[in-house]
Amino acid sequence: MHRTHTARKAREEELRRRSETTSRSASNSRRSTTRCQIGSVLTQVQRASRMTMEELAASIRVSPAETSSFLSGEQFPSWPVTERFALACGADTQVLRKVWDDEQDRREGAR
């Protein structure tokens, strides 16, 4: 009887782990669909500038962690931050404004 109980506990534990993994995966996929698309544009601009993340963060007056969240698309930057980003990297502010406006429109349409 002890082996049966142990085997059942092991199966329950495995099912619990699978359930948690599936739940995390679903949560991550939902989160990824809400990521800001401007992040990839900002990443290209940052790479083209050859500035490190720390240099860029200092230049736009936000933390490196927040800068990283903008670049990854996890966080949508305000227009003033995006403008400082463009100026620090030597990018065209008018082009980035159009990208920012499009993202803002998408975000408002999703609500």
C-alpha atoms as a PDB file:
ATOM      1  CA  MET A   1       0.000   0.000   0.000  1.00  0.00           C
ATOM      2  CA  HIS A   2       2.878   2.366   0.725  1.00  0.00           C
ATOM      3  CA  ARG A   3       4.193   1.981  -2.849  1.00  0.00           C
ATOM      4  CA  THR A   4       0.773   2.729  -4.282  1.00  0.00           C
ATOM      5  CA  HIS A   5       0.509   5.854  -2.175  1.00  0.00           C
ATOM      6  CA  THR A   6       4.016   6.973  -3.194  1.00  0.00           C
ATOM      7  CA  ALA A   7       3.298   6.316  -6.883  1.00  0.00           C
ATOM      8  CA  ARG A   8       0.039   8.280  -6.682  1.00  0.00           C
ATOM      9  CA  LYS A   9       1.826  11.196  -4.987  1.00  0.00           C
ATOM     10  CA  ALA A  10       4.493  11.146  -7.720  1.00  0.00           C
ATOM     11  CA  ARG A  11       1.792  11.210 -10.448  1.00  0.00           C
ATOM     12  CA  GLU A  12      -0.009  14.083  -8.697  1.00  0.00           C
ATOM     13  CA  GLU A  13       3.237  16.018  -8.418  1.00  0.00           C
ATOM     14  CA  GLU A  14       4.008  15.460 -12.116  1.00  0.00           C
ATOM     15  CA  LEU A  15       0.505  16.616 -13.109  1.00  0.00           C
ATOM     16  CA  ARG A  16       0.880  19.704 -10.930  1.00  0.00           C
ATOM     17  CA  ARG A  17       4.224  20.546 -12.571  1.00  0.00           C
ATOM     18  CA  ARG A  18       2.769  20.086 -16.047  1.00  0.00           C
ATOM     19  CA  SER A  19      -0.197  22.277 -15.152  1.00  0.00           C
ATOM     20  CA  GLU A  20       2.086  25.033 -13.860  1.00  0.00           C
ATOM     21  CA  THR A  21       4.245  24.845 -16.981  1.00  0.00           C
ATOM     22  CA  THR A  22       1.187  25.059 -19.234  1.00  0.00           C
ATOM     23  CA  SER A  23      -0.179  27.955 -17.212  1.00  0.00           C
ATOM     24  CA  ARG A  24       3.129  29.853 -17.382  1.00  0.00           C
ATOM     25  CA  SER A  25       3.389  29.207 -21.107  1.00  0.00           C
ATOM     26  CA  ALA A  26      -0.126  30.556 -21.713  1.00  0.00           C
ATOM     27  CA  SER A  27       0.626  33.583 -19.560  1.00  0.00           C
ATOM     28  CA  ASN A  28       3.860  34.266 -21.441  1.00  0.00           C
ATOM     29  CA  SER A  29       2.141  34.009 -24.811  1.00  0.00           C
ATOM     30  CA  ARG A  30      -0.541  36.470 -23.690  1.00  0.00           C
ATOM     31  CA  ARG A  31       2.135  38.812 -22.403  1.00  0.00           C
ATOM     32  CA  SER A  32       4.120  38.605 -25.648  1.00  0.00           C
ATOM     33  CA  THR A  33       1.099  39.681 -27.700  1.00  0.00           C
ATOM     34  CA  THR A  34       0.870  42.857 -25.625  1.00  0.00           C
ATOM     35  CA  ARG A  35       4.514  43.779 -26.060  1.00  0.00           C
ATOM     36  CA  CYS A  36       5.163  47.147 -27.644  1.00  0.00           C
ATOM     37  CA  GLN A  37       6.238  46.883 -31.230  1.00  0.00           C
ATOM     38  CA  ILE A  38       8.232  50.090 -30.896  1.00  0.00           C
ATOM     39  CA  GLY A  39      10.763  48.122 -28.842  1.00  0.00           C
ATOM     40  CA  SER A  40      12.277  46.516 -31.928  1.00  0.00           C
ATOM     41  CA  VAL A  41      12.631  49.909 -33.620  1.00  0.00           C
ATOM     42  CA  LEU A  42      14.262  51.389 -30.523  1.00  0.00           C
ATOM     43  CA  THR A  43      16.619  48.409 -30.378  1.00  0.00           C
ATOM     44  CA  GLN A  44      17.704  48.998 -33.983  1.00  0.00           C
ATOM     45  CA  VAL A  45      18.242  52.689 -33.271  1.00  0.00           C
ATOM     46  CA  GLN A  46      20.272  51.906 -30.141  1.00  0.00           C
ATOM     47  CA  ARG A  47      22.433  49.349 -31.971  1.00  0.00           C
ATOM     48  CA  ALA A  48      23.067  51.730 -34.852  1.00  0.00           C
ATOM     49  CA  SER A  49      24.220  54.382 -32.370  1.00  0.00           C
ATOM     50  CA  ARG A  50      26.695  51.920 -30.817  1.00  0.00           C
ATOM     51  CA  MET A  51      25.792  53.292 -27.394  1.00  0.00           C
ATOM     52  CA  THR A  52      25.769  50.859 -24.506  1.00  0.00           C
ATOM     53  CA  MET A  53      22.561  50.468 -22.578  1.00  0.00           C
ATOM     54  CA  GLU A  54      24.159  52.253 -19.620  1.00  0.00           C
ATOM     55  CA  GLU A  55      25.249  55.193 -21.769  1.00  0.00           C
ATOM     56  CA  LEU A  56      21.830  55.427 -23.342  1.00  0.00           C
ATOM     57  CA  ALA A  57      20.038  55.195 -19.994  1.00  0.00           C
ATOM     58  CA  ALA A  58      22.147  58.009 -18.573  1.00  0.00           C
ATOM     59  CA  SER A  59      21.572  60.113 -21.672  1.00  0.00           C
ATOM     60  CA  ILE A  60      17.779  59.749 -21.621  1.00  0.00           C
ATOM     61  CA  ARG A  61      17.663  60.043 -17.816  1.00  0.00           C
ATOM     62  CA  VAL A  62      16.027  56.714 -16.994  1.00  0.00           C
ATOM     63  CA  SER A  63      17.409  53.629 -15.278  1.00  0.00           C
ATOM     64  CA  PRO A  64      19.142  50.889 -17.277  1.00  0.00           C
ATOM     65  CA  ALA A  65      16.349  48.510 -16.195  1.00  0.00           C
ATOM     66  CA  GLU A  66      13.688  50.823 -17.579  1.00  0.00           C
ATOM     67  CA  THR A  67      15.710  51.340 -20.764  1.00  0.00           C
ATOM     68  CA  SER A  68      15.880  47.567 -21.138  1.00  0.00           C
ATOM     69  CA  SER A  69      12.112  47.282 -20.717  1.00  0.00           C
ATOM     70  CA  PHE A  70      11.611  49.828 -23.524  1.00  0.00           C
ATOM     71  CA  LEU A  71      13.993  47.964 -25.825  1.00  0.00           C
ATOM     72  CA  SER A  72      12.356  44.612 -25.132  1.00  0.00           C
ATOM     73  CA  GLY A  73       8.872  46.020 -25.686  1.00  0.00           C
ATOM     74  CA  GLU A  74       7.751  45.233 -22.147  1.00  0.00           C
ATOM     75  CA  GLN A  75       7.065  48.896 -21.431  1.00  0.00           C
ATOM     76  CA  PHE A  76       5.770  51.651 -23.708  1.00  0.00           C
ATOM     77  CA  PRO A  77       7.868  54.816 -23.314  1.00  0.00           C
ATOM     78  CA  SER A  78       6.282  58.252 -23.126  1.00  0.00           C
ATOM     79  CA  TRP A  79       6.856  60.545 -26.090  1.00  0.00           C
ATOM     80  CA  PRO A  80       9.366  62.756 -24.185  1.00  0.00           C
ATOM     81  CA  VAL A  81      11.450  59.676 -23.338  1.00  0.00           C
ATOM     82  CA  THR A  82      11.216  58.427 -26.932  1.00  0.00           C
ATOM     83  CA  GLU A  83      12.272  61.840 -28.213  1.00  0.00           C
ATOM     84  CA  ARG A  84      15.278  61.915 -25.855  1.00  0.00           C
ATOM     85  CA  PHE A  85      16.062  58.391 -27.053  1.00  0.00           C
ATOM     86  CA  ALA A  86      16.060  59.520 -30.687  1.00  0.00           C
ATOM     87  CA  LEU A  87      18.195  62.583 -29.969  1.00  0.00           C
ATOM     88  CA  ALA A  88      20.721  60.604 -27.908  1.00  0.00           C
ATOM     89  CA  CYS A  89      21.100  58.012 -30.677  1.00  0.00           C
ATOM     90  CA  GLY A  90      21.166  60.504 -33.539  1.00  0.00           C
ATOM     91  CA  ALA A  91      17.901  59.214 -35.010  1.00  0.00           C
ATOM     92  CA  ASP A  92      15.257  61.223 -36.846  1.00  0.00           C
ATOM     93  CA  THR A  93      12.710  62.370 -34.242  1.00  0.00           C
ATOM     94  CA  GLN A  94       9.986  62.790 -36.874  1.00  0.00           C
ATOM     95  CA  VAL A  95      10.295  59.174 -37.994  1.00  0.00           C
ATOM     96  CA  LEU A  96      10.272  57.920 -34.415  1.00  0.00           C
ATOM     97  CA  ARG A  97       7.249  60.138 -33.696  1.00  0.00           C
ATOM     98  CA  LYS A  98       5.323  58.372 -36.474  1.00  0.00           C
ATOM     99  CA  VAL A  99       6.295  54.974 -35.080  1.00  0.00           C
ATOM    100  CA  TRP A 100       5.355  56.133 -31.558  1.00  0.00           C
ATOM    101  CA  ASP A 101       1.980  57.507 -32.750  1.00  0.00           C
ATOM    102  CA  ASP A 102       1.179  54.226 -34.540  1.00  0.00           C
ATOM    103  CA  GLU A 103       1.985  52.281 -31.381  1.00  0.00           C
ATOM    104  CA  GLN A 104      -0.139  54.642 -29.299  1.00  0.00           C
ATOM    105  CA  ASP A 105      -3.056  54.167 -31.715  1.00  0.00           C
ATOM    106  CA  ARG A 106      -2.682  50.354 -31.482  1.00  0.00           C
ATOM    107  CA  ARG A 107      -2.644  50.537 -27.703  1.00  0.00           C
ATOM    108  CA  GLU A 108      -5.751  52.712 -27.577  1.00  0.00           C
ATOM    109  CA  GLY A 109      -7.546  50.449 -30.075  1.00  0.00           C
ATOM    110  CA  ALA A 110      -6.781  47.389 -27.931  1.00  0.00           C
ATOM    111  CA  ARG A 111      -8.582  48.850 -24.929  1.00  0.00           C
END
